[in-house]
Amino acid sequence: MQTTVFFKPDCSNCRTLEGILSERGVEADYVRYLEQAPSREDLERVMGLLGIDDPRLMMREKEPVYAELGLADAGRDELLDAMAANPILIQRPIVIRGDRAVIARPPERVSELLDR
């Protein structure tokens, strides 16, 4: 089954997740999402796979750009546009496998996808 990971190489959670997947023999496509930013449509699809409707549930609200853009009171569309334009706002790592996804924080949450 195809497995894709939104990945940041210098993120400790991402590296831990990579190790877990390797130990379990899972090959994955590691998307360096800061370099290959997902489109708004991609983000909408991932939200559907995560089973969420609120973009804040997959946002890094502590990133400085969140405050700089004044996103505290932003609506859904503005949040999605901000994440597409500033992918640093996207929570990581996100693992997509088949028709499901999980924000792997902590990385061990990936078992929710692998053990089904």
PDB file of N, CA and C in Angstrom:
ATOM      1  N   MET A   1       0.847  -1.172   0.000  1.00  0.00           N
ATOM      2  CA  MET A   1       0.000   0.000   0.000  1.00  0.00           C
ATOM      3  C   MET A   1       0.893   1.236   0.000  1.00  0.00           C
ATOM      4  N   GLN A   2       0.547   2.205  -0.845  1.00  0.00           N
ATOM      5  CA  GLN A   2       1.311   3.442  -0.955  1.00  0.00           C
ATOM      6  C   GLN A   2       1.278   4.228   0.358  1.00  0.00           C
ATOM      7  N   THR A   3       2.446   4.638   0.817  1.00  0.00           N
ATOM      8  CA  THR A   3       2.568   5.442   2.031  1.00  0.00           C
ATOM      9  C   THR A   3       3.341   6.705   1.687  1.00  0.00           C
ATOM     10  N   THR A   4       2.763   7.845   2.068  1.00  0.00           N
ATOM     11  CA  THR A   4       3.386   9.145   1.825  1.00  0.00           C
ATOM     12  C   THR A   4       3.523   9.861   3.162  1.00  0.00           C
ATOM     13  N   VAL A   5       4.647  10.524   3.355  1.00  0.00           N
ATOM     14  CA  VAL A   5       4.910  11.248   4.600  1.00  0.00           C
ATOM     15  C   VAL A   5       5.262  12.688   4.273  1.00  0.00           C
ATOM     16  N   PHE A   6       4.533  13.635   4.869  1.00  0.00           N
ATOM     17  CA  PHE A   6       4.951  15.039   4.838  1.00  0.00           C
ATOM     18  C   PHE A   6       6.082  15.133   5.849  1.00  0.00           C
ATOM     19  N   PHE A   7       7.270  15.476   5.365  1.00  0.00           N
ATOM     20  CA  PHE A   7       8.508  15.241   6.098  1.00  0.00           C
ATOM     21  C   PHE A   7       9.392  16.480   6.105  1.00  0.00           C
ATOM     22  N   LYS A   8      10.016  16.722   7.253  1.00  0.00           N
ATOM     23  CA  LYS A   8      11.037  17.771   7.384  1.00  0.00           C
ATOM     24  C   LYS A   8      12.266  17.097   7.980  1.00  0.00           C
ATOM     25  N   PRO A   9      13.358  17.011   7.217  1.00  0.00           N
ATOM     26  CA  PRO A   9      14.515  16.221   7.640  1.00  0.00           C
ATOM     27  C   PRO A   9      15.098  16.584   9.006  1.00  0.00           C
ATOM     28  N   ASP A  10      15.039  17.854   9.410  1.00  0.00           N
ATOM     29  CA  ASP A  10      15.648  18.224  10.688  1.00  0.00           C
ATOM     30  C   ASP A  10      14.654  18.177  11.855  1.00  0.00           C
ATOM     31  N   CYS A  11      13.486  17.610  11.630  1.00  0.00           N
ATOM     32  CA  CYS A  11      12.473  17.456  12.683  1.00  0.00           C
ATOM     33  C   CYS A  11      12.676  16.110  13.381  1.00  0.00           C
ATOM     34  N   SER A  12      12.840  16.140  14.688  1.00  0.00           N
ATOM     35  CA  SER A  12      13.094  14.897  15.423  1.00  0.00           C
ATOM     36  C   SER A  12      11.919  13.924  15.322  1.00  0.00           C
ATOM     37  N   ASN A  13      10.684  14.424  15.334  1.00  0.00           N
ATOM     38  CA  ASN A  13       9.538  13.526  15.185  1.00  0.00           C
ATOM     39  C   ASN A  13       9.524  12.865  13.808  1.00  0.00           C
ATOM     40  N   CYS A  14       9.902  13.607  12.784  1.00  0.00           N
ATOM     41  CA  CYS A  14       9.965  13.052  11.432  1.00  0.00           C
ATOM     42  C   CYS A  14      11.029  11.958  11.342  1.00  0.00           C
ATOM     43  N   ARG A  15      12.184  12.217  11.938  1.00  0.00           N
ATOM     44  CA  ARG A  15      13.261  11.215  11.901  1.00  0.00           C
ATOM     45  C   ARG A  15      12.875   9.971  12.691  1.00  0.00           C
ATOM     46  N   THR A  16      12.217  10.156  13.828  1.00  0.00           N
ATOM     47  CA  THR A  16      11.767   9.003  14.612  1.00  0.00           C
ATOM     48  C   THR A  16      10.756   8.196  13.819  1.00  0.00           C
ATOM     49  N   LEU A  17       9.829   8.879  13.179  1.00  0.00           N
ATOM     50  CA  LEU A  17       8.835   8.195  12.353  1.00  0.00           C
ATOM     51  C   LEU A  17       9.508   7.413  11.228  1.00  0.00           C
ATOM     52  N   GLU A  18      10.490   8.016  10.593  1.00  0.00           N
ATOM     53  CA  GLU A  18      11.214   7.339   9.520  1.00  0.00           C
ATOM     54  C   GLU A  18      11.822   6.032  10.033  1.00  0.00           C
ATOM     55  N   GLY A  19      12.375   6.067  11.240  1.00  0.00           N
ATOM     56  CA  GLY A  19      12.934   4.865  11.841  1.00  0.00           C
ATOM     57  C   GLY A  19      11.872   3.808  12.115  1.00  0.00           C
ATOM     58  N   ILE A  20      10.719   4.229  12.615  1.00  0.00           N
ATOM     59  CA  ILE A  20       9.626   3.288  12.888  1.00  0.00           C
ATOM     60  C   ILE A  20       9.183   2.617  11.597  1.00  0.00           C
ATOM     61  N   LEU A  21       8.999   3.407  10.556  1.00  0.00           N
ATOM     62  CA  LEU A  21       8.565   2.831   9.279  1.00  0.00           C
ATOM     63  C   LEU A  21       9.614   1.862   8.733  1.00  0.00           C
ATOM     64  N   SER A  22      10.880   2.237   8.846  1.00  0.00           N
ATOM     65  CA  SER A  22      11.960   1.372   8.380  1.00  0.00           C
ATOM     66  C   SER A  22      11.973   0.052   9.150  1.00  0.00           C
ATOM     67  N   GLU A  23      11.854   0.128  10.471  1.00  0.00           N
ATOM     68  CA  GLU A  23      11.826  -1.082  11.299  1.00  0.00           C
ATOM     69  C   GLU A  23      10.661  -1.996  10.932  1.00  0.00           C
ATOM     70  N   ARG A  24       9.557  -1.411  10.519  1.00  0.00           N
ATOM     71  CA  ARG A  24       8.366  -2.189  10.170  1.00  0.00           C
ATOM     72  C   ARG A  24       8.373  -2.618   8.704  1.00  0.00           C
ATOM     73  N   GLY A  25       9.433  -2.253   7.982  1.00  0.00           N
ATOM     74  CA  GLY A  25       9.545  -2.643   6.584  1.00  0.00           C
ATOM     75  C   GLY A  25       8.613  -1.885   5.650  1.00  0.00           C
ATOM     76  N   VAL A  26       8.209  -0.692   6.052  1.00  0.00           N
ATOM     77  CA  VAL A  26       7.293   0.113   5.245  1.00  0.00           C
ATOM     78  C   VAL A  26       8.096   1.100   4.408  1.00  0.00           C
ATOM     79  N   GLU A  27       7.978   0.963   3.104  1.00  0.00           N
ATOM     80  CA  GLU A  27       8.605   1.932   2.214  1.00  0.00           C
ATOM     81  C   GLU A  27       7.652   3.100   2.051  1.00  0.00           C
ATOM     82  N   ALA A  28       8.193   4.303   2.082  1.00  0.00           N
ATOM     83  CA  ALA A  28       7.354   5.489   1.995  1.00  0.00           C
ATOM     84  C   ALA A  28       7.976   6.507   1.048  1.00  0.00           C
ATOM     85  N   ASP A  29       7.109   7.330   0.511  1.00  0.00           N
ATOM     86  CA  ASP A  29       7.523   8.479  -0.283  1.00  0.00           C
ATOM     87  C   ASP A  29       7.599   9.651   0.690  1.00  0.00           C
ATOM     88  N   TYR A  30       8.801  10.144   0.958  1.00  0.00           N
ATOM     89  CA  TYR A  30       9.005  11.238   1.908  1.00  0.00           C
ATOM     90  C   TYR A  30       8.973  12.560   1.151  1.00  0.00           C
ATOM     91  N   VAL A  31       7.881  13.286   1.319  1.00  0.00           N
ATOM     92  CA  VAL A  31       7.686  14.561   0.636  1.00  0.00           C
ATOM     93  C   VAL A  31       8.211  15.673   1.525  1.00  0.00           C
ATOM     94  N   ARG A  32       9.240  16.335   1.073  1.00  0.00           N
ATOM     95  CA  ARG A  32       9.774  17.488   1.805  1.00  0.00           C
ATOM     96  C   ARG A  32       8.845  18.664   1.522  1.00  0.00           C
ATOM     97  N   TYR A  33       7.819  18.726   2.331  1.00  0.00           N
ATOM     98  CA  TYR A  33       6.707  19.628   2.046  1.00  0.00           C
ATOM     99  C   TYR A  33       7.080  21.107   2.118  1.00  0.00           C
ATOM    100  N   LEU A  34       8.204  21.446   2.730  1.00  0.00           N
ATOM    101  CA  LEU A  34       8.640  22.841   2.714  1.00  0.00           C
ATOM    102  C   LEU A  34       9.218  23.216   1.349  1.00  0.00           C
ATOM    103  N   GLU A  35       9.720  22.204   0.629  1.00  0.00           N
ATOM    104  CA  GLU A  35      10.270  22.417  -0.708  1.00  0.00           C
ATOM    105  C   GLU A  35       9.223  22.160  -1.788  1.00  0.00           C
ATOM    106  N   GLN A  36       8.348  21.200  -1.544  1.00  0.00           N
ATOM    107  CA  GLN A  36       7.272  20.845  -2.476  1.00  0.00           C
ATOM    108  C   GLN A  36       5.954  21.117  -1.754  1.00  0.00           C
ATOM    109  N   ALA A  37       5.603  22.373  -1.647  1.00  0.00           N
ATOM    110  CA  ALA A  37       4.422  22.757  -0.870  1.00  0.00           C
ATOM    111  C   ALA A  37       3.151  22.145  -1.464  1.00  0.00           C
ATOM    112  N   PRO A  38       2.332  21.541  -0.614  1.00  0.00           N
ATOM    113  CA  PRO A  38       1.055  21.011  -1.103  1.00  0.00           C
ATOM    114  C   PRO A  38       0.123  22.164  -1.487  1.00  0.00           C
ATOM    115  N   SER A  39      -0.687  21.915  -2.489  1.00  0.00           N
ATOM    116  CA  SER A  39      -1.660  22.912  -2.910  1.00  0.00           C
ATOM    117  C   SER A  39      -2.825  22.942  -1.921  1.00  0.00           C
ATOM    118  N   ARG A  40      -3.643  23.934  -2.072  1.00  0.00           N
ATOM    119  CA  ARG A  40      -4.842  24.010  -1.234  1.00  0.00           C
ATOM    120  C   ARG A  40      -5.696  22.752  -1.431  1.00  0.00           C
ATOM    121  N   GLU A  41      -5.796  22.290  -2.672  1.00  0.00           N
ATOM    122  CA  GLU A  41      -6.571  21.079  -2.959  1.00  0.00           C
ATOM    123  C   GLU A  41      -5.955  19.867  -2.255  1.00  0.00           C
ATOM    124  N   ASP A  42      -4.628  19.792  -2.258  1.00  0.00           N
ATOM    125  CA  ASP A  42      -3.943  18.707  -1.542  1.00  0.00           C
ATOM    126  C   ASP A  42      -4.279  18.759  -0.056  1.00  0.00           C
ATOM    127  N   LEU A  43      -4.264  19.953   0.508  1.00  0.00           N
ATOM    128  CA  LEU A  43      -4.561  20.118   1.933  1.00  0.00           C
ATOM    129  C   LEU A  43      -5.994  19.711   2.250  1.00  0.00           C
ATOM    130  N   GLU A  44      -6.921  20.066   1.379  1.00  0.00           N
ATOM    131  CA  GLU A  44      -8.322  19.666   1.560  1.00  0.00           C
ATOM    132  C   GLU A  44      -8.436  18.143   1.545  1.00  0.00           C
ATOM    133  N   ARG A  45      -7.727  17.499   0.620  1.00  0.00           N
ATOM    134  CA  ARG A  45      -7.760  16.034   0.524  1.00  0.00           C
ATOM    135  C   ARG A  45      -7.187  15.399   1.784  1.00  0.00           C
ATOM    136  N   VAL A  46      -6.067  15.919   2.268  1.00  0.00           N
ATOM    137  CA  VAL A  46      -5.453  15.389   3.483  1.00  0.00           C
ATOM    138  C   VAL A  46      -6.386  15.568   4.680  1.00  0.00           C
ATOM    139  N   MET A  47      -7.040  16.706   4.765  1.00  0.00           N
ATOM    140  CA  MET A  47      -7.991  16.911   5.855  1.00  0.00           C
ATOM    141  C   MET A  47      -9.085  15.851   5.808  1.00  0.00           C
ATOM    142  N   GLY A  48      -9.562  15.540   4.613  1.00  0.00           N
ATOM    143  CA  GLY A  48     -10.573  14.490   4.473  1.00  0.00           C
ATOM    144  C   GLY A  48     -10.049  13.149   4.940  1.00  0.00           C
ATOM    145  N   LEU A  49      -8.808  12.838   4.600  1.00  0.00           N
ATOM    146  CA  LEU A  49      -8.205  11.572   5.022  1.00  0.00           C
ATOM    147  C   LEU A  49      -7.977  11.526   6.528  1.00  0.00           C
ATOM    148  N   LEU A  50      -7.705  12.701   7.111  1.00  0.00           N
ATOM    149  CA  LEU A  50      -7.545  12.796   8.567  1.00  0.00           C
ATOM    150  C   LEU A  50      -8.890  12.751   9.287  1.00  0.00           C
ATOM    151  N   GLY A  51      -9.964  13.006   8.535  1.00  0.00           N
ATOM    152  CA  GLY A  51     -11.288  13.031   9.138  1.00  0.00           C
ATOM    153  C   GLY A  51     -11.554  14.309   9.915  1.00  0.00           C
ATOM    154  N   ILE A  52     -10.965  15.415   9.447  1.00  0.00           N
ATOM    155  CA  ILE A  52     -11.158  16.692  10.133  1.00  0.00           C
ATOM    156  C   ILE A  52     -11.720  17.721   9.156  1.00  0.00           C
ATOM    157  N   ASP A  53     -12.382  18.734   9.683  1.00  0.00           N
ATOM    158  CA  ASP A  53     -12.887  19.822   8.858  1.00  0.00           C
ATOM    159  C   ASP A  53     -12.238  21.159   9.232  1.00  0.00           C
ATOM    160  N   ASP A  54     -11.637  21.214  10.404  1.00  0.00           N
ATOM    161  CA  ASP A  54     -11.024  22.448  10.894  1.00  0.00           C
ATOM    162  C   ASP A  54      -9.526  22.430  10.586  1.00  0.00           C
ATOM    163  N   PRO A  55      -9.047  23.318   9.703  1.00  0.00           N
ATOM    164  CA  PRO A  55      -7.622  23.335   9.354  1.00  0.00           C
ATOM    165  C   PRO A  55      -6.700  23.546  10.556  1.00  0.00           C
ATOM    166  N   ARG A  56      -7.201  24.188  11.609  1.00  0.00           N
ATOM    167  CA  ARG A  56      -6.352  24.424  12.783  1.00  0.00           C
ATOM    168  C   ARG A  56      -5.839  23.120  13.394  1.00  0.00           C
ATOM    169  N   LEU A  57      -6.583  22.037  13.177  1.00  0.00           N
ATOM    170  CA  LEU A  57      -6.179  20.752  13.752  1.00  0.00           C
ATOM    171  C   LEU A  57      -4.927  20.187  13.092  1.00  0.00           C
ATOM    172  N   MET A  58      -4.527  20.774  11.968  1.00  0.00           N
ATOM    173  CA  MET A  58      -3.277  20.338  11.322  1.00  0.00           C
ATOM    174  C   MET A  58      -2.321  21.511  11.116  1.00  0.00           C
ATOM    175  N   MET A  59      -2.482  22.529  11.963  1.00  0.00           N
ATOM    176  CA  MET A  59      -1.626  23.720  11.874  1.00  0.00           C
ATOM    177  C   MET A  59      -0.663  23.811  13.041  1.00  0.00           C
ATOM    178  N   ARG A  60       0.461  24.413  12.774  1.00  0.00           N
ATOM    179  CA  ARG A  60       1.457  24.733  13.792  1.00  0.00           C
ATOM    180  C   ARG A  60       1.227  26.188  14.204  1.00  0.00           C
ATOM    181  N   GLU A  61       0.368  26.371  15.189  1.00  0.00           N
ATOM    182  CA  GLU A  61      -0.022  27.716  15.601  1.00  0.00           C
ATOM    183  C   GLU A  61       1.089  28.473  16.320  1.00  0.00           C
ATOM    184  N   LYS A  62       2.128  27.789  16.739  1.00  0.00           N
ATOM    185  CA  LYS A  62       3.233  28.465  17.429  1.00  0.00           C
ATOM    186  C   LYS A  62       4.307  28.986  16.478  1.00  0.00           C
ATOM    187  N   GLU A  63       4.157  28.717  15.198  1.00  0.00           N
ATOM    188  CA  GLU A  63       5.106  29.257  14.226  1.00  0.00           C
ATOM    189  C   GLU A  63       4.946  30.775  14.172  1.00  0.00           C
ATOM    190  N   PRO A  64       6.042  31.534  14.124  1.00  0.00           N
ATOM    191  CA  PRO A  64       5.954  32.994  14.077  1.00  0.00           C
ATOM    192  C   PRO A  64       5.065  33.524  12.951  1.00  0.00           C
ATOM    193  N   VAL A  65       5.069  32.867  11.803  1.00  0.00           N
ATOM    194  CA  VAL A  65       4.270  33.348  10.674  1.00  0.00           C
ATOM    195  C   VAL A  65       2.772  33.307  10.985  1.00  0.00           C
ATOM    196  N   TYR A  66       2.353  32.430  11.867  1.00  0.00           N
ATOM    197  CA  TYR A  66       0.944  32.361  12.268  1.00  0.00           C
ATOM    198  C   TYR A  66       0.511  33.698  12.870  1.00  0.00           C
ATOM    199  N   ALA A  67       1.314  34.199  13.791  1.00  0.00           N
ATOM    200  CA  ALA A  67       1.008  35.497  14.410  1.00  0.00           C
ATOM    201  C   ALA A  67       1.213  36.638  13.419  1.00  0.00           C
ATOM    202  N   GLU A  68       2.281  36.553  12.624  1.00  0.00           N
ATOM    203  CA  GLU A  68       2.568  37.611  11.656  1.00  0.00           C
ATOM    204  C   GLU A  68       1.411  37.815  10.680  1.00  0.00           C
ATOM    205  N   LEU A  69       0.763  36.716  10.306  1.00  0.00           N
ATOM    206  CA  LEU A  69      -0.349  36.789   9.362  1.00  0.00           C
ATOM    207  C   LEU A  69      -1.684  37.073  10.048  1.00  0.00           C
ATOM    208  N   GLY A  70      -1.685  37.137  11.373  1.00  0.00           N
ATOM    209  CA  GLY A  70      -2.915  37.414  12.109  1.00  0.00           C
ATOM    210  C   GLY A  70      -3.970  36.343  11.933  1.00  0.00           C
ATOM    211  N   LEU A  71      -3.560  35.081  12.029  1.00  0.00           N
ATOM    212  CA  LEU A  71      -4.465  33.974  11.747  1.00  0.00           C
ATOM    213  C   LEU A  71      -5.334  33.539  12.922  1.00  0.00           C
ATOM    214  N   ALA A  72      -5.153  34.143  14.080  1.00  0.00           N
ATOM    215  CA  ALA A  72      -5.911  33.718  15.268  1.00  0.00           C
ATOM    216  C   ALA A  72      -7.417  33.768  15.047  1.00  0.00           C
ATOM    217  N   ASP A  73      -7.886  34.739  14.287  1.00  0.00           N
ATOM    218  CA  ASP A  73      -9.322  34.882  14.040  1.00  0.00           C
ATOM    219  C   ASP A  73      -9.706  34.539  12.600  1.00  0.00           C
ATOM    220  N   ALA A  74      -8.798  33.911  11.870  1.00  0.00           N
ATOM    221  CA  ALA A  74      -9.037  33.608  10.458  1.00  0.00           C
ATOM    222  C   ALA A  74     -10.048  32.478  10.300  1.00  0.00           C
ATOM    223  N   GLY A  75     -10.737  32.510   9.185  1.00  0.00           N
ATOM    224  CA  GLY A  75     -11.682  31.455   8.839  1.00  0.00           C
ATOM    225  C   GLY A  75     -10.996  30.316   8.100  1.00  0.00           C
ATOM    226  N   ARG A  76     -11.774  29.295   7.810  1.00  0.00           N
ATOM    227  CA  ARG A  76     -11.269  28.083   7.169  1.00  0.00           C
ATOM    228  C   ARG A  76     -10.526  28.384   5.863  1.00  0.00           C
ATOM    229  N   ASP A  77     -11.138  29.163   4.969  1.00  0.00           N
ATOM    230  CA  ASP A  77     -10.509  29.447   3.677  1.00  0.00           C
ATOM    231  C   ASP A  77      -9.187  30.184   3.834  1.00  0.00           C
ATOM    232  N   GLU A  78      -9.156  31.158   4.709  1.00  0.00           N
ATOM    233  CA  GLU A  78      -7.930  31.921   4.932  1.00  0.00           C
ATOM    234  C   GLU A  78      -6.827  31.032   5.515  1.00  0.00           C
ATOM    235  N   LEU A  79      -7.202  30.119   6.404  1.00  0.00           N
ATOM    236  CA  LEU A  79      -6.218  29.209   6.992  1.00  0.00           C
ATOM    237  C   LEU A  79      -5.636  28.275   5.940  1.00  0.00           C
ATOM    238  N   LEU A  80      -6.488  27.726   5.089  1.00  0.00           N
ATOM    239  CA  LEU A  80      -5.998  26.835   4.029  1.00  0.00           C
ATOM    240  C   LEU A  80      -5.092  27.578   3.055  1.00  0.00           C
ATOM    241  N   ASP A  81      -5.484  28.794   2.690  1.00  0.00           N
ATOM    242  CA  ASP A  81      -4.638  29.592   1.802  1.00  0.00           C
ATOM    243  C   ASP A  81      -3.292  29.891   2.459  1.00  0.00           C
ATOM    244  N   ALA A  82      -3.315  30.183   3.754  1.00  0.00           N
ATOM    245  CA  ALA A  82      -2.071  30.482   4.477  1.00  0.00           C
ATOM    246  C   ALA A  82      -1.157  29.264   4.520  1.00  0.00           C
ATOM    247  N   MET A  83      -1.716  28.076   4.742  1.00  0.00           N
ATOM    248  CA  MET A  83      -0.894  26.860   4.775  1.00  0.00           C
ATOM    249  C   MET A  83      -0.311  26.554   3.405  1.00  0.00           C
ATOM    250  N   ALA A  84      -1.080  26.773   2.350  1.00  0.00           N
ATOM    251  CA  ALA A  84      -0.568  26.528   1.002  1.00  0.00           C
ATOM    252  C   ALA A  84       0.566  27.499   0.670  1.00  0.00           C
ATOM    253  N   ALA A  85       0.440  28.736   1.111  1.00  0.00           N
ATOM    254  CA  ALA A  85       1.461  29.754   0.835  1.00  0.00           C
ATOM    255  C   ALA A  85       2.651  29.673   1.788  1.00  0.00           C
ATOM    256  N   ASN A  86       2.426  29.137   2.990  1.00  0.00           N
ATOM    257  CA  ASN A  86       3.451  29.059   4.036  1.00  0.00           C
ATOM    258  C   ASN A  86       3.424  27.662   4.640  1.00  0.00           C
ATOM    259  N   PRO A  87       3.980  26.674   3.940  1.00  0.00           N
ATOM    260  CA  PRO A  87       3.851  25.289   4.407  1.00  0.00           C
ATOM    261  C   PRO A  87       4.466  25.021   5.778  1.00  0.00           C
ATOM    262  N   ILE A  88       5.277  25.929   6.295  1.00  0.00           N
ATOM    263  CA  ILE A  88       5.812  25.754   7.650  1.00  0.00           C
ATOM    264  C   ILE A  88       4.669  25.690   8.665  1.00  0.00           C
ATOM    265  N   LEU A  89       3.498  26.175   8.284  1.00  0.00           N
ATOM    266  CA  LEU A  89       2.335  26.149   9.174  1.00  0.00           C
ATOM    267  C   LEU A  89       1.696  24.757   9.288  1.00  0.00           C
ATOM    268  N   ILE A  90       2.080  23.844   8.399  1.00  0.00           N
ATOM    269  CA  ILE A  90       1.472  22.503   8.399  1.00  0.00           C
ATOM    270  C   ILE A  90       2.142  21.636   9.462  1.00  0.00           C
ATOM    271  N   GLN A  91       1.324  21.003  10.266  1.00  0.00           N
ATOM    272  CA  GLN A  91       1.819  20.094  11.296  1.00  0.00           C
ATOM    273  C   GLN A  91       2.603  18.965  10.637  1.00  0.00           C
ATOM    274  N   ARG A  92       3.552  18.415  11.346  1.00  0.00           N
ATOM    275  CA  ARG A  92       4.379  17.330  10.808  1.00  0.00           C
ATOM    276  C   ARG A  92       4.737  16.347  11.898  1.00  0.00           C
ATOM    277  N   PRO A  93       5.008  15.138  11.511  1.00  0.00           N
ATOM    278  CA  PRO A  93       4.817  14.535  10.197  1.00  0.00           C
ATOM    279  C   PRO A  93       3.357  14.104  10.004  1.00  0.00           C
ATOM    280  N   ILE A  94       2.915  14.155   8.768  1.00  0.00           N
ATOM    281  CA  ILE A  94       1.608  13.608   8.408  1.00  0.00           C
ATOM    282  C   ILE A  94       1.876  12.390   7.543  1.00  0.00           C
ATOM    283  N   VAL A  95       1.257  11.272   7.914  1.00  0.00           N
ATOM    284  CA  VAL A  95       1.423  10.027   7.177  1.00  0.00           C
ATOM    285  C   VAL A  95       0.105   9.710   6.477  1.00  0.00           C
ATOM    286  N   ILE A  96       0.193   9.461   5.183  1.00  0.00           N
ATOM    287  CA  ILE A  96      -0.975   9.113   4.372  1.00  0.00           C
ATOM    288  C   ILE A  96      -0.762   7.685   3.881  1.00  0.00           C
ATOM    289  N   ARG A  97      -1.749   6.854   4.127  1.00  0.00           N
ATOM    290  CA  ARG A  97      -1.664   5.451   3.701  1.00  0.00           C
ATOM    291  C   ARG A  97      -3.048   5.017   3.253  1.00  0.00           C
ATOM    292  N   GLY A  98      -3.147   4.721   1.970  1.00  0.00           N
ATOM    293  CA  GLY A  98      -4.453   4.334   1.442  1.00  0.00           C
ATOM    294  C   GLY A  98      -5.429   5.493   1.539  1.00  0.00           C
ATOM    295  N   ASP A  99      -6.573   5.215   2.144  1.00  0.00           N
ATOM    296  CA  ASP A  99      -7.613   6.244   2.247  1.00  0.00           C
ATOM    297  C   ASP A  99      -7.691   6.854   3.640  1.00  0.00           C
ATOM    298  N   ARG A 100      -6.573   6.784   4.366  1.00  0.00           N
ATOM    299  CA  ARG A 100      -6.535   7.343   5.716  1.00  0.00           C
ATOM    300  C   ARG A 100      -5.226   8.090   5.920  1.00  0.00           C
ATOM    301  N   ALA A 101      -5.223   8.955   6.930  1.00  0.00           N
ATOM    302  CA  ALA A 101      -4.011   9.693   7.284  1.00  0.00           C
ATOM    303  C   ALA A 101      -4.004   9.908   8.789  1.00  0.00           C
ATOM    304  N   VAL A 102      -2.814  10.207   9.308  1.00  0.00           N
ATOM    305  CA  VAL A 102      -2.664  10.517  10.726  1.00  0.00           C
ATOM    306  C   VAL A 102      -1.543  11.543  10.880  1.00  0.00           C
ATOM    307  N   ILE A 103      -1.747  12.457  11.818  1.00  0.00           N
ATOM    308  CA  ILE A 103      -0.663  13.350  12.214  1.00  0.00           C
ATOM    309  C   ILE A 103       0.119  12.568  13.255  1.00  0.00           C
ATOM    310  N   ALA A 104       1.329  12.202  12.915  1.00  0.00           N
ATOM    311  CA  ALA A 104       2.127  11.291  13.749  1.00  0.00           C
ATOM    312  C   ALA A 104       2.893  12.064  14.826  1.00  0.00           C
ATOM    313  N   ARG A 105       2.148  12.647  15.734  1.00  0.00           N
ATOM    314  CA  ARG A 105       2.685  13.334  16.907  1.00  0.00           C
ATOM    315  C   ARG A 105       1.974  12.772  18.114  1.00  0.00           C
ATOM    316  N   PRO A 106       2.584  11.912  18.846  1.00  0.00           N
ATOM    317  CA  PRO A 106       3.944  11.409  18.700  1.00  0.00           C
ATOM    318  C   PRO A 106       4.053  10.438  17.513  1.00  0.00           C
ATOM    319  N   PRO A 107       5.275  10.166  17.061  1.00  0.00           N
ATOM    320  CA  PRO A 107       5.474   9.323  15.888  1.00  0.00           C
ATOM    321  C   PRO A 107       4.822   7.943  15.991  1.00  0.00           C
ATOM    322  N   GLU A 108       4.685   7.433  17.205  1.00  0.00           N
ATOM    323  CA  GLU A 108       4.094   6.105  17.396  1.00  0.00           C
ATOM    324  C   GLU A 108       2.640   6.041  16.940  1.00  0.00           C
ATOM    325  N   ARG A 109       2.021   7.195  16.745  1.00  0.00           N
ATOM    326  CA  ARG A 109       0.637   7.211  16.254  1.00  0.00           C
ATOM    327  C   ARG A 109       0.512   6.578  14.873  1.00  0.00           C
ATOM    328  N   VAL A 110       1.623   6.410  14.180  1.00  0.00           N
ATOM    329  CA  VAL A 110       1.569   5.782  12.861  1.00  0.00           C
ATOM    330  C   VAL A 110       1.000   4.370  12.955  1.00  0.00           C
ATOM    331  N   SER A 111       1.085   3.752  14.118  1.00  0.00           N
ATOM    332  CA  SER A 111       0.532   2.405  14.282  1.00  0.00           C
ATOM    333  C   SER A 111      -0.976   2.378  14.005  1.00  0.00           C
ATOM    334  N   GLU A 112      -1.647   3.525  14.173  1.00  0.00           N
ATOM    335  CA  GLU A 112      -3.073   3.605  13.874  1.00  0.00           C
ATOM    336  C   GLU A 112      -3.343   3.286  12.402  1.00  0.00           C
ATOM    337  N   LEU A 113      -2.384   3.569  11.542  1.00  0.00           N
ATOM    338  CA  LEU A 113      -2.527   3.253  10.124  1.00  0.00           C
ATOM    339  C   LEU A 113      -1.991   1.872   9.784  1.00  0.00           C
ATOM    340  N   LEU A 114      -0.907   1.494  10.416  1.00  0.00           N
ATOM    341  CA  LEU A 114      -0.232   0.259  10.057  1.00  0.00           C
ATOM    342  C   LEU A 114      -0.875  -0.987  10.643  1.00  0.00           C
ATOM    343  N   ASP A 115      -1.545  -0.845  11.770  1.00  0.00           N
ATOM    344  CA  ASP A 115      -2.086  -2.016  12.462  1.00  0.00           C
ATOM    345  C   ASP A 115      -3.544  -2.296  12.119  1.00  0.00           C
ATOM    346  N   ARG A 116      -4.025  -1.724  11.040  1.00  0.00           N
ATOM    347  CA  ARG A 116      -5.426  -1.971  10.643  1.00  0.00           C
ATOM    348  C   ARG A 116      -5.473  -2.784   9.394  1.00  0.00           C
TER     349      ARG A 116
END
